[in-house]
Amino acid sequence: MFLSIILVMALGFIVVYDFGANYAPLPYSMVMCYKFSEFDQEESSVSWCKAFVMPLDKSYHITSISLVNETESSRVRSLIFYLTRAYPGKAYFACNEIPEWSHPLFAWSGSSESQWRFPERVGFKIGLGGTYFGILQINFINETMKEDVRPGVRFSITSDERIVDAGFYALSLGSFPKPNPAIQTTLNLLTQCGQLGLSQGSVIPQIFGSISHMSPNGLRTSTFFDNSTLACDDSYDHYEPYFSPVYNTSITPASTLTSFCSFNVSNGAAYTCTSYIAYYPFSTDKCPSPSTTLTTRSLPCH
């Protein structure tokens, strides 16, 4: 028989603990969601961001993520949840103030999956020795749709020390010439990394997810691994980051990772695009020499 205890934490999330007869480190769930507040009355924005403090008493691992029911409503355009070691300085803040070293752990829009189950005994470390803070970003359809709805995310978390640490490999744009809008209307960029450098230990590194994020002038994004498509969005909307779970794909020392990003040159001066690749086991190794090149090719989903 199991006993469940629900605690409402002062920092704004709900934790559900499950205790079993053998008192093993069983999973429990943590919910982080939006709640209309005085901040929303003061801010005229379709985006809402709040920082949450992760449990800090010991190390935990997030082993799956899903949306709470109200997220998939006609009011919410997209949701992004970030992990970061830096506290933004206040609980509620403008979304353009997210710390630069944050990275998305989960992203949802109408075209994305609403649940991400990790491989067995694999998870992202939080708490002691891991990430200390989470940031939830909700993008609404318009300003009038922020009341009476509670979108958010639910995590499965465990304190089991046998969990294998997962990590994200970020493939970002390098330097490139600024295009002339009078000459070209679309900018196509390929960022490639060969010889990923992930250590080959007793466990062969595996890819199990992908998140793509672009600046507002992004048109199309796709990520390829050894010429196979990991993720692709042919009609990118800057409010709709693209997430895709991936069946386990082995990484070899000769593996190549390629990110294609297409931009509207006439709309804005910033051209940013990052593909976050989820893999395990975590390694501090990085790509030795990622390169970004201009291309006339267009790489649609295939």
C-alpha atoms as a PDB file:
ATOM      1  CA  MET A   1       0.000   0.000   0.000  1.00  0.00           C
ATOM      2  CA  PHE A   2       1.229   3.454  -0.841  1.00  0.00           C
ATOM      3  CA  LEU A   3       0.727   6.682   1.022  1.00  0.00           C
ATOM      4  CA  SER A   4       0.783   9.997  -0.845  1.00  0.00           C
ATOM      5  CA  ILE A   5       1.407  13.329   0.842  1.00  0.00           C
ATOM      6  CA  ILE A   6       0.842  16.588  -1.036  1.00  0.00           C
ATOM      7  CA  LEU A   7       2.771  19.663   0.093  1.00  0.00           C
ATOM      8  CA  VAL A   8       2.172  23.152  -1.266  1.00  0.00           C
ATOM      9  CA  MET A   9       5.538  24.860  -1.227  1.00  0.00           C
ATOM     10  CA  ALA A  10       5.885  28.560  -0.518  1.00  0.00           C
ATOM     11  CA  LEU A  11       7.890  29.019  -3.688  1.00  0.00           C
ATOM     12  CA  GLY A  12       4.959  28.243  -5.920  1.00  0.00           C
ATOM     13  CA  PHE A  13       5.103  24.583  -6.842  1.00  0.00           C
ATOM     14  CA  ILE A  14       3.326  21.466  -5.634  1.00  0.00           C
ATOM     15  CA  VAL A  15       5.233  18.347  -4.617  1.00  0.00           C
ATOM     16  CA  VAL A  16       3.629  14.911  -4.352  1.00  0.00           C
ATOM     17  CA  TYR A  17       5.673  12.371  -2.395  1.00  0.00           C
ATOM     18  CA  ASP A  18       5.056   8.618  -2.686  1.00  0.00           C
ATOM     19  CA  PHE A  19       6.294   6.309   0.057  1.00  0.00           C
ATOM     20  CA  GLY A  20       6.314   2.558  -0.511  1.00  0.00           C
ATOM     21  CA  ALA A  21       6.479  -0.364   1.861  1.00  0.00           C
ATOM     22  CA  ASN A  22      10.188  -0.910   1.162  1.00  0.00           C
ATOM     23  CA  TYR A  23      11.052   2.795   1.549  1.00  0.00           C
ATOM     24  CA  ALA A  24      13.055   2.715  -1.677  1.00  0.00           C
ATOM     25  CA  PRO A  25      13.837   6.011  -3.498  1.00  0.00           C
ATOM     26  CA  LEU A  26      10.572   6.028  -5.443  1.00  0.00           C
ATOM     27  CA  PRO A  27       9.559   8.736  -7.914  1.00  0.00           C
ATOM     28  CA  TYR A  28       7.418  11.688  -6.946  1.00  0.00           C
ATOM     29  CA  SER A  29       5.992  14.527  -8.991  1.00  0.00           C
ATOM     30  CA  MET A  30       6.508  18.289  -8.956  1.00  0.00           C
ATOM     31  CA  VAL A  31       4.189  20.743 -10.674  1.00  0.00           C
ATOM     32  CA  MET A  32       5.155  24.266 -11.729  1.00  0.00           C
ATOM     33  CA  CYS A  33       2.391  26.362 -13.210  1.00  0.00           C
ATOM     34  CA  TYR A  34       1.219  29.853 -14.033  1.00  0.00           C
ATOM     35  CA  LYS A  35      -1.000  31.795 -11.631  1.00  0.00           C
ATOM     36  CA  PHE A  36      -2.419  35.225 -12.427  1.00  0.00           C
ATOM     37  CA  SER A  37      -0.769  37.759 -10.094  1.00  0.00           C
ATOM     38  CA  GLU A  38      -0.146  41.444  -9.479  1.00  0.00           C
ATOM     39  CA  PHE A  39       2.837  41.144 -11.847  1.00  0.00           C
ATOM     40  CA  ASP A  40       0.481  40.418 -14.736  1.00  0.00           C
ATOM     41  CA  GLN A  41      -1.632  43.460 -13.941  1.00  0.00           C
ATOM     42  CA  GLU A  42       1.464  45.669 -14.199  1.00  0.00           C
ATOM     43  CA  GLU A  43       3.043  44.062 -17.262  1.00  0.00           C
ATOM     44  CA  SER A  44       1.477  44.518 -20.698  1.00  0.00           C
ATOM     45  CA  SER A  45       2.974  41.476 -22.378  1.00  0.00           C
ATOM     46  CA  VAL A  46       1.851  38.197 -23.894  1.00  0.00           C
ATOM     47  CA  SER A  47       4.829  36.447 -22.233  1.00  0.00           C
ATOM     48  CA  TRP A  48       5.068  35.507 -18.559  1.00  0.00           C
ATOM     49  CA  CYS A  49       8.201  34.280 -16.752  1.00  0.00           C
ATOM     50  CA  LYS A  50       8.721  33.057 -13.213  1.00  0.00           C
ATOM     51  CA  ALA A  51      11.722  31.532 -11.430  1.00  0.00           C
ATOM     52  CA  PHE A  52      11.341  28.488  -9.183  1.00  0.00           C
ATOM     53  CA  VAL A  53      13.815  27.125  -6.658  1.00  0.00           C
ATOM     54  CA  MET A  54      14.478  23.418  -7.036  1.00  0.00           C
ATOM     55  CA  PRO A  55      14.578  21.093  -3.981  1.00  0.00           C
ATOM     56  CA  LEU A  56      18.008  21.696  -2.421  1.00  0.00           C
ATOM     57  CA  ASP A  57      18.193  19.150   0.405  1.00  0.00           C
ATOM     58  CA  LYS A  58      19.987  16.591  -1.806  1.00  0.00           C
ATOM     59  CA  SER A  59      20.458  15.517  -5.425  1.00  0.00           C
ATOM     60  CA  TYR A  60      17.471  14.517  -7.548  1.00  0.00           C
ATOM     61  CA  HIS A  61      16.893  13.609 -11.173  1.00  0.00           C
ATOM     62  CA  ILE A  62      14.040  14.634 -13.454  1.00  0.00           C
ATOM     63  CA  THR A  63      13.040  11.477 -15.341  1.00  0.00           C
ATOM     64  CA  SER A  64      10.020  12.668 -17.378  1.00  0.00           C
ATOM     65  CA  ILE A  65       8.113  15.853 -18.220  1.00  0.00           C
ATOM     66  CA  SER A  66       4.520  16.452 -19.277  1.00  0.00           C
ATOM     67  CA  LEU A  67       2.091  19.342 -19.603  1.00  0.00           C
ATOM     68  CA  VAL A  68      -0.600  20.025 -17.054  1.00  0.00           C
ATOM     69  CA  ASN A  69      -4.026  19.796 -18.675  1.00  0.00           C
ATOM     70  CA  GLU A  70      -4.797  23.495 -19.012  1.00  0.00           C
ATOM     71  CA  THR A  71      -1.684  24.207 -21.080  1.00  0.00           C
ATOM     72  CA  GLU A  72      -3.245  22.787 -24.224  1.00  0.00           C
ATOM     73  CA  SER A  73      -5.941  25.435 -24.327  1.00  0.00           C
ATOM     74  CA  SER A  74      -6.865  27.985 -26.959  1.00  0.00           C
ATOM     75  CA  ARG A  75      -5.272  30.688 -24.783  1.00  0.00           C
ATOM     76  CA  VAL A  76      -1.691  29.391 -24.700  1.00  0.00           C
ATOM     77  CA  ARG A  77       0.570  29.688 -27.734  1.00  0.00           C
ATOM     78  CA  SER A  78       3.661  28.008 -26.300  1.00  0.00           C
ATOM     79  CA  LEU A  79       5.554  27.046 -23.136  1.00  0.00           C
ATOM     80  CA  ILE A  80       9.274  26.768 -22.394  1.00  0.00           C
ATOM     81  CA  PHE A  81      10.883  25.465 -19.198  1.00  0.00           C
ATOM     82  CA  TYR A  82      14.546  26.351 -18.582  1.00  0.00           C
ATOM     83  CA  LEU A  83      17.143  25.078 -16.140  1.00  0.00           C
ATOM     84  CA  THR A  84      19.715  27.524 -14.796  1.00  0.00           C
ATOM     85  CA  ARG A  85      22.221  27.913 -11.978  1.00  0.00           C
ATOM     86  CA  ALA A  86      21.659  31.682 -11.811  1.00  0.00           C
ATOM     87  CA  TYR A  87      18.675  33.244 -10.048  1.00  0.00           C
ATOM     88  CA  PRO A  88      17.240  36.109 -12.153  1.00  0.00           C
ATOM     89  CA  GLY A  89      17.003  38.301  -9.034  1.00  0.00           C
ATOM     90  CA  LYS A  90      13.229  38.146  -8.582  1.00  0.00           C
ATOM     91  CA  ALA A  91      10.471  35.584  -8.900  1.00  0.00           C
ATOM     92  CA  TYR A  92       8.513  37.350 -11.674  1.00  0.00           C
ATOM     93  CA  PHE A  93      10.463  39.096 -14.419  1.00  0.00           C
ATOM     94  CA  ALA A  94      10.409  40.142 -18.067  1.00  0.00           C
ATOM     95  CA  CYS A  95      11.209  37.179 -20.307  1.00  0.00           C
ATOM     96  CA  ASN A  96      13.998  39.045 -22.101  1.00  0.00           C
ATOM     97  CA  GLU A  97      15.910  38.953 -18.778  1.00  0.00           C
ATOM     98  CA  ILE A  98      16.396  35.162 -18.720  1.00  0.00           C
ATOM     99  CA  PRO A  99      20.067  34.480 -17.793  1.00  0.00           C
ATOM    100  CA  GLU A 100      22.173  33.833 -20.882  1.00  0.00           C
ATOM    101  CA  TRP A 101      23.565  30.544 -19.553  1.00  0.00           C
ATOM    102  CA  SER A 102      20.076  29.027 -19.135  1.00  0.00           C
ATOM    103  CA  HIS A 103      19.022  26.228 -21.451  1.00  0.00           C
ATOM    104  CA  PRO A 104      15.550  24.874 -22.223  1.00  0.00           C
ATOM    105  CA  LEU A 105      14.725  21.479 -20.760  1.00  0.00           C
ATOM    106  CA  PHE A 106      11.291  21.271 -22.360  1.00  0.00           C
ATOM    107  CA  ALA A 107       9.363  23.245 -24.965  1.00  0.00           C
ATOM    108  CA  TRP A 108       5.818  22.916 -26.189  1.00  0.00           C
ATOM    109  CA  SER A 109       3.701  24.480 -28.896  1.00  0.00           C
ATOM    110  CA  GLY A 110       0.719  23.212 -30.838  1.00  0.00           C
ATOM    111  CA  SER A 111       2.968  21.145 -33.126  1.00  0.00           C
ATOM    112  CA  SER A 112       5.069  19.617 -30.323  1.00  0.00           C
ATOM    113  CA  GLU A 113       4.710  16.518 -28.186  1.00  0.00           C
ATOM    114  CA  SER A 114       3.009  17.146 -24.820  1.00  0.00           C
ATOM    115  CA  GLN A 115       5.001  14.513 -22.919  1.00  0.00           C
ATOM    116  CA  TRP A 116       8.636  13.466 -22.804  1.00  0.00           C
ATOM    117  CA  ARG A 117       9.531  10.169 -21.147  1.00  0.00           C
ATOM    118  CA  PHE A 118      13.266   9.628 -20.832  1.00  0.00           C
ATOM    119  CA  PRO A 119      14.989   6.271 -21.288  1.00  0.00           C
ATOM    120  CA  GLU A 120      14.891   4.032 -18.225  1.00  0.00           C
ATOM    121  CA  ARG A 121      17.224   5.154 -15.400  1.00  0.00           C
ATOM    122  CA  VAL A 122      18.205   8.371 -17.214  1.00  0.00           C
ATOM    123  CA  GLY A 123      17.560  11.877 -15.899  1.00  0.00           C
ATOM    124  CA  PHE A 124      18.696  15.500 -15.588  1.00  0.00           C
ATOM    125  CA  LYS A 125      20.253  16.283 -12.214  1.00  0.00           C
ATOM    126  CA  ILE A 126      18.781  19.046 -10.047  1.00  0.00           C
ATOM    127  CA  GLY A 127      19.394  20.112  -6.448  1.00  0.00           C
ATOM    128  CA  LEU A 128      22.786  19.494  -4.824  1.00  0.00           C
ATOM    129  CA  GLY A 129      25.427  18.977  -7.505  1.00  0.00           C
ATOM    130  CA  GLY A 130      22.973  19.882 -10.245  1.00  0.00           C
ATOM    131  CA  THR A 131      20.750  22.763 -11.342  1.00  0.00           C
ATOM    132  CA  TYR A 132      19.351  25.009  -8.620  1.00  0.00           C
ATOM    133  CA  PHE A 133      16.658  26.997 -10.421  1.00  0.00           C
ATOM    134  CA  GLY A 134      13.956  26.518 -13.014  1.00  0.00           C
ATOM    135  CA  ILE A 135      12.302  29.186 -15.178  1.00  0.00           C
ATOM    136  CA  LEU A 136       8.837  28.746 -16.633  1.00  0.00           C
ATOM    137  CA  GLN A 137       7.916  30.887 -19.661  1.00  0.00           C
ATOM    138  CA  ILE A 138       4.323  30.994 -20.901  1.00  0.00           C
ATOM    139  CA  ASN A 139       3.444  32.740 -24.162  1.00  0.00           C
ATOM    140  CA  PHE A 140      -0.238  33.595 -24.430  1.00  0.00           C
ATOM    141  CA  ILE A 141      -2.262  34.290 -27.552  1.00  0.00           C
ATOM    142  CA  ASN A 142      -2.931  37.829 -26.315  1.00  0.00           C
ATOM    143  CA  GLU A 143      -2.904  39.877 -23.100  1.00  0.00           C
ATOM    144  CA  THR A 144      -6.563  39.321 -22.273  1.00  0.00           C
ATOM    145  CA  MET A 145      -6.185  35.528 -21.993  1.00  0.00           C
ATOM    146  CA  LYS A 146      -3.996  35.364 -18.866  1.00  0.00           C
ATOM    147  CA  GLU A 147      -6.748  35.101 -16.241  1.00  0.00           C
ATOM    148  CA  ASP A 148      -8.515  31.952 -15.050  1.00  0.00           C
ATOM    149  CA  VAL A 149      -6.072  29.514 -16.648  1.00  0.00           C
ATOM    150  CA  ARG A 150      -3.149  27.615 -15.069  1.00  0.00           C
ATOM    151  CA  PRO A 151      -0.808  26.198 -17.708  1.00  0.00           C
ATOM    152  CA  GLY A 152       2.406  24.558 -16.580  1.00  0.00           C
ATOM    153  CA  VAL A 153       4.550  21.427 -16.425  1.00  0.00           C
ATOM    154  CA  ARG A 154       4.680  18.303 -14.280  1.00  0.00           C
ATOM    155  CA  PHE A 155       7.944  16.486 -13.551  1.00  0.00           C
ATOM    156  CA  SER A 156       8.628  12.975 -12.356  1.00  0.00           C
ATOM    157  CA  ILE A 157      11.558  13.183  -9.928  1.00  0.00           C
ATOM    158  CA  THR A 158      13.551  10.551  -8.084  1.00  0.00           C
ATOM    159  CA  SER A 159      16.368  10.496  -5.535  1.00  0.00           C
ATOM    160  CA  ASP A 160      17.609   7.131  -6.836  1.00  0.00           C
ATOM    161  CA  GLU A 161      21.412   7.428  -7.018  1.00  0.00           C
ATOM    162  CA  ARG A 162      21.623   4.819  -9.785  1.00  0.00           C
ATOM    163  CA  ILE A 163      20.195   7.249 -12.375  1.00  0.00           C
ATOM    164  CA  VAL A 164      22.546   8.070 -15.283  1.00  0.00           C
ATOM    165  CA  ASP A 165      23.120  11.818 -15.748  1.00  0.00           C
ATOM    166  CA  ALA A 166      21.797  13.271 -19.007  1.00  0.00           C
ATOM    167  CA  GLY A 167      23.010  16.473 -20.622  1.00  0.00           C
ATOM    168  CA  PHE A 168      22.338  18.877 -23.485  1.00  0.00           C
ATOM    169  CA  TYR A 169      24.653  19.494 -26.381  1.00  0.00           C
ATOM    170  CA  ALA A 170      24.051  23.023 -27.741  1.00  0.00           C
ATOM    171  CA  LEU A 171      24.846  23.614 -31.404  1.00  0.00           C
ATOM    172  CA  SER A 172      24.704  27.398 -31.870  1.00  0.00           C
ATOM    173  CA  LEU A 173      25.430  29.725 -34.747  1.00  0.00           C
ATOM    174  CA  GLY A 174      28.997  30.908 -35.187  1.00  0.00           C
ATOM    175  CA  SER A 175      30.135  34.141 -36.851  1.00  0.00           C
ATOM    176  CA  PHE A 176      29.002  34.888 -40.399  1.00  0.00           C
ATOM    177  CA  PRO A 177      28.755  37.920 -42.742  1.00  0.00           C
ATOM    178  CA  LYS A 178      25.749  40.186 -42.207  1.00  0.00           C
ATOM    179  CA  PRO A 179      23.494  39.892 -45.288  1.00  0.00           C
ATOM    180  CA  ASN A 180      22.360  42.819 -47.417  1.00  0.00           C
ATOM    181  CA  PRO A 181      18.509  42.924 -47.431  1.00  0.00           C
ATOM    182  CA  ALA A 182      18.597  44.665 -50.824  1.00  0.00           C
ATOM    183  CA  ILE A 183      20.335  41.661 -52.372  1.00  0.00           C
ATOM    184  CA  GLN A 184      18.865  38.689 -50.558  1.00  0.00           C
ATOM    185  CA  THR A 185      15.625  38.233 -48.657  1.00  0.00           C
ATOM    186  CA  THR A 186      16.391  34.918 -46.962  1.00  0.00           C
ATOM    187  CA  LEU A 187      19.471  33.862 -45.030  1.00  0.00           C
ATOM    188  CA  ASN A 188      20.253  30.132 -44.925  1.00  0.00           C
ATOM    189  CA  LEU A 189      22.890  28.965 -42.447  1.00  0.00           C
ATOM    190  CA  LEU A 190      24.401  25.557 -41.768  1.00  0.00           C
ATOM    191  CA  THR A 191      26.184  24.938 -38.466  1.00  0.00           C
ATOM    192  CA  GLN A 192      28.046  21.656 -38.369  1.00  0.00           C
ATOM    193  CA  CYS A 193      30.082  19.729 -35.861  1.00  0.00           C
ATOM    194  CA  GLY A 194      32.002  16.561 -36.652  1.00  0.00           C
ATOM    195  CA  GLN A 195      33.929  14.435 -34.174  1.00  0.00           C
ATOM    196  CA  LEU A 196      31.556  15.349 -31.328  1.00  0.00           C
ATOM    197  CA  GLY A 197      34.163  14.295 -28.804  1.00  0.00           C
ATOM    198  CA  LEU A 198      31.736  12.722 -26.337  1.00  0.00           C
ATOM    199  CA  SER A 199      33.690  10.248 -24.230  1.00  0.00           C
ATOM    200  CA  GLN A 200      33.198   6.605 -25.066  1.00  0.00           C
ATOM    201  CA  GLY A 201      33.004   4.780 -21.731  1.00  0.00           C
ATOM    202  CA  SER A 202      31.181   1.657 -20.679  1.00  0.00           C
ATOM    203  CA  VAL A 203      27.924   3.213 -21.937  1.00  0.00           C
ATOM    204  CA  ILE A 204      27.762   4.302 -25.589  1.00  0.00           C
ATOM    205  CA  PRO A 205      26.329   7.864 -25.685  1.00  0.00           C
ATOM    206  CA  GLN A 206      22.736   8.000 -26.891  1.00  0.00           C
ATOM    207  CA  ILE A 207      20.584  10.878 -28.217  1.00  0.00           C
ATOM    208  CA  PHE A 208      16.992  10.928 -26.972  1.00  0.00           C
ATOM    209  CA  GLY A 209      15.565  14.400 -27.646  1.00  0.00           C
ATOM    210  CA  SER A 210      15.939  17.683 -29.517  1.00  0.00           C
ATOM    211  CA  ILE A 211      14.789  21.289 -28.941  1.00  0.00           C
ATOM    212  CA  SER A 212      15.203  24.053 -31.536  1.00  0.00           C
ATOM    213  CA  HIS A 213      14.986  27.747 -30.694  1.00  0.00           C
ATOM    214  CA  MET A 214      15.392  30.739 -33.040  1.00  0.00           C
ATOM    215  CA  SER A 215      15.167  34.527 -33.002  1.00  0.00           C
ATOM    216  CA  PRO A 216      11.809  36.109 -34.020  1.00  0.00           C
ATOM    217  CA  ASN A 217      12.854  36.369 -37.679  1.00  0.00           C
ATOM    218  CA  GLY A 218      13.362  32.619 -37.997  1.00  0.00           C
ATOM    219  CA  LEU A 219      11.579  30.845 -40.860  1.00  0.00           C
ATOM    220  CA  ARG A 220      12.692  27.228 -40.782  1.00  0.00           C
ATOM    221  CA  THR A 221      14.849  25.033 -38.557  1.00  0.00           C
ATOM    222  CA  SER A 222      16.027  21.450 -38.816  1.00  0.00           C
ATOM    223  CA  THR A 223      18.604  19.275 -37.074  1.00  0.00           C
ATOM    224  CA  PHE A 224      20.367  16.318 -38.665  1.00  0.00           C
ATOM    225  CA  PHE A 225      22.495  13.601 -37.111  1.00  0.00           C
ATOM    226  CA  ASP A 226      24.634  11.573 -39.507  1.00  0.00           C
ATOM    227  CA  ASN A 227      22.277  12.623 -42.356  1.00  0.00           C
ATOM    228  CA  SER A 228      19.170  11.451 -40.470  1.00  0.00           C
ATOM    229  CA  THR A 229      16.572  14.034 -39.411  1.00  0.00           C
ATOM    230  CA  LEU A 230      16.305  14.523 -35.636  1.00  0.00           C
ATOM    231  CA  ALA A 231      13.871  17.436 -35.719  1.00  0.00           C
ATOM    232  CA  CYS A 232      12.394  19.717 -38.354  1.00  0.00           C
ATOM    233  CA  ASP A 233       9.939  22.615 -38.417  1.00  0.00           C
ATOM    234  CA  ASP A 234       9.055  23.958 -41.869  1.00  0.00           C
ATOM    235  CA  SER A 235       6.898  26.850 -40.624  1.00  0.00           C
ATOM    236  CA  TYR A 236       8.685  28.219 -37.576  1.00  0.00           C
ATOM    237  CA  ASP A 237       6.903  30.828 -35.427  1.00  0.00           C
ATOM    238  CA  HIS A 238       9.071  32.684 -32.902  1.00  0.00           C
ATOM    239  CA  TYR A 239       6.451  31.978 -30.244  1.00  0.00           C
ATOM    240  CA  GLU A 240       6.618  28.281 -31.016  1.00  0.00           C
ATOM    241  CA  PRO A 241       9.914  26.593 -30.100  1.00  0.00           C
ATOM    242  CA  TYR A 242      10.121  23.140 -31.590  1.00  0.00           C
ATOM    243  CA  PHE A 243      10.593  20.035 -29.426  1.00  0.00           C
ATOM    244  CA  SER A 244      10.874  16.464 -30.622  1.00  0.00           C
ATOM    245  CA  PRO A 245      11.574  13.255 -28.673  1.00  0.00           C
ATOM    246  CA  VAL A 246      14.065  10.998 -30.409  1.00  0.00           C
ATOM    247  CA  TYR A 247      14.387   7.235 -30.261  1.00  0.00           C
ATOM    248  CA  ASN A 248      17.746   6.236 -28.842  1.00  0.00           C
ATOM    249  CA  THR A 249      20.428   7.006 -31.415  1.00  0.00           C
ATOM    250  CA  SER A 250      24.017   5.942 -30.740  1.00  0.00           C
ATOM    251  CA  ILE A 251      26.801   8.531 -30.981  1.00  0.00           C
ATOM    252  CA  THR A 252      30.120   7.352 -32.384  1.00  0.00           C
ATOM    253  CA  PRO A 253      33.427   9.276 -32.437  1.00  0.00           C
ATOM    254  CA  ALA A 254      32.865   9.977 -36.154  1.00  0.00           C
ATOM    255  CA  SER A 255      29.271  11.237 -35.766  1.00  0.00           C
ATOM    256  CA  THR A 256      28.281  14.547 -37.363  1.00  0.00           C
ATOM    257  CA  LEU A 257      25.635  16.956 -36.054  1.00  0.00           C
ATOM    258  CA  THR A 258      24.197  19.593 -38.406  1.00  0.00           C
ATOM    259  CA  SER A 259      21.744  22.427 -37.725  1.00  0.00           C
ATOM    260  CA  PHE A 260      19.998  24.299 -40.559  1.00  0.00           C
ATOM    261  CA  CYS A 261      18.384  27.675 -39.872  1.00  0.00           C
ATOM    262  CA  SER A 262      16.607  29.982 -42.312  1.00  0.00           C
ATOM    263  CA  PHE A 263      15.823  33.646 -41.542  1.00  0.00           C
ATOM    264  CA  ASN A 264      13.829  36.541 -42.943  1.00  0.00           C
ATOM    265  CA  VAL A 265      16.585  39.091 -43.622  1.00  0.00           C
ATOM    266  CA  SER A 266      14.247  42.105 -43.693  1.00  0.00           C
ATOM    267  CA  ASN A 267      12.892  41.412 -40.208  1.00  0.00           C
ATOM    268  CA  GLY A 268      15.372  42.337 -37.481  1.00  0.00           C
ATOM    269  CA  ALA A 269      19.137  42.465 -37.175  1.00  0.00           C
ATOM    270  CA  ALA A 270      19.655  39.500 -34.846  1.00  0.00           C
ATOM    271  CA  TYR A 271      20.080  36.017 -36.273  1.00  0.00           C
ATOM    272  CA  THR A 272      20.222  33.440 -33.524  1.00  0.00           C
ATOM    273  CA  CYS A 273      19.497  29.741 -33.691  1.00  0.00           C
ATOM    274  CA  THR A 274      20.386  26.952 -31.283  1.00  0.00           C
ATOM    275  CA  SER A 275      19.666  23.246 -31.437  1.00  0.00           C
ATOM    276  CA  TYR A 276      19.732  21.549 -28.030  1.00  0.00           C
ATOM    277  CA  ILE A 277      20.400  17.816 -28.270  1.00  0.00           C
ATOM    278  CA  ALA A 278      19.568  15.679 -25.215  1.00  0.00           C
ATOM    279  CA  TYR A 279      21.951  12.776 -24.668  1.00  0.00           C
ATOM    280  CA  TYR A 280      23.345  10.461 -21.998  1.00  0.00           C
ATOM    281  CA  PRO A 281      25.631   9.824 -20.216  1.00  0.00           C
ATOM    282  CA  PHE A 282      26.602  13.456 -19.595  1.00  0.00           C
ATOM    283  CA  SER A 283      30.090  14.492 -20.729  1.00  0.00           C
ATOM    284  CA  THR A 284      32.048  17.717 -20.368  1.00  0.00           C
ATOM    285  CA  ASP A 285      33.548  17.143 -23.848  1.00  0.00           C
ATOM    286  CA  LYS A 286      32.534  19.625 -26.527  1.00  0.00           C
ATOM    287  CA  CYS A 287      32.787  19.843 -30.275  1.00  0.00           C
ATOM    288  CA  PRO A 288      36.385  20.945 -30.996  1.00  0.00           C
ATOM    289  CA  SER A 289      35.579  23.185 -33.976  1.00  0.00           C
ATOM    290  CA  PRO A 290      31.932  23.910 -34.863  1.00  0.00           C
ATOM    291  CA  SER A 291      31.575  25.899 -38.089  1.00  0.00           C
ATOM    292  CA  THR A 292      28.789  28.023 -39.581  1.00  0.00           C
ATOM    293  CA  THR A 293      28.524  28.606 -43.329  1.00  0.00           C
ATOM    294  CA  LEU A 294      26.177  30.464 -45.642  1.00  0.00           C
ATOM    295  CA  THR A 295      24.326  28.222 -48.063  1.00  0.00           C
ATOM    296  CA  THR A 296      21.968  28.640 -50.978  1.00  0.00           C
ATOM    297  CA  ARG A 297      20.428  25.277 -50.149  1.00  0.00           C
ATOM    298  CA  SER A 298      17.120  24.970 -48.395  1.00  0.00           C
ATOM    299  CA  LEU A 299      16.746  21.874 -46.245  1.00  0.00           C
ATOM    300  CA  PRO A 300      13.031  21.154 -45.786  1.00  0.00           C
ATOM    301  CA  CYS A 301      11.744  18.364 -43.587  1.00  0.00           C
ATOM    302  CA  HIS A 302      12.250  14.931 -45.086  1.00  0.00           C
END
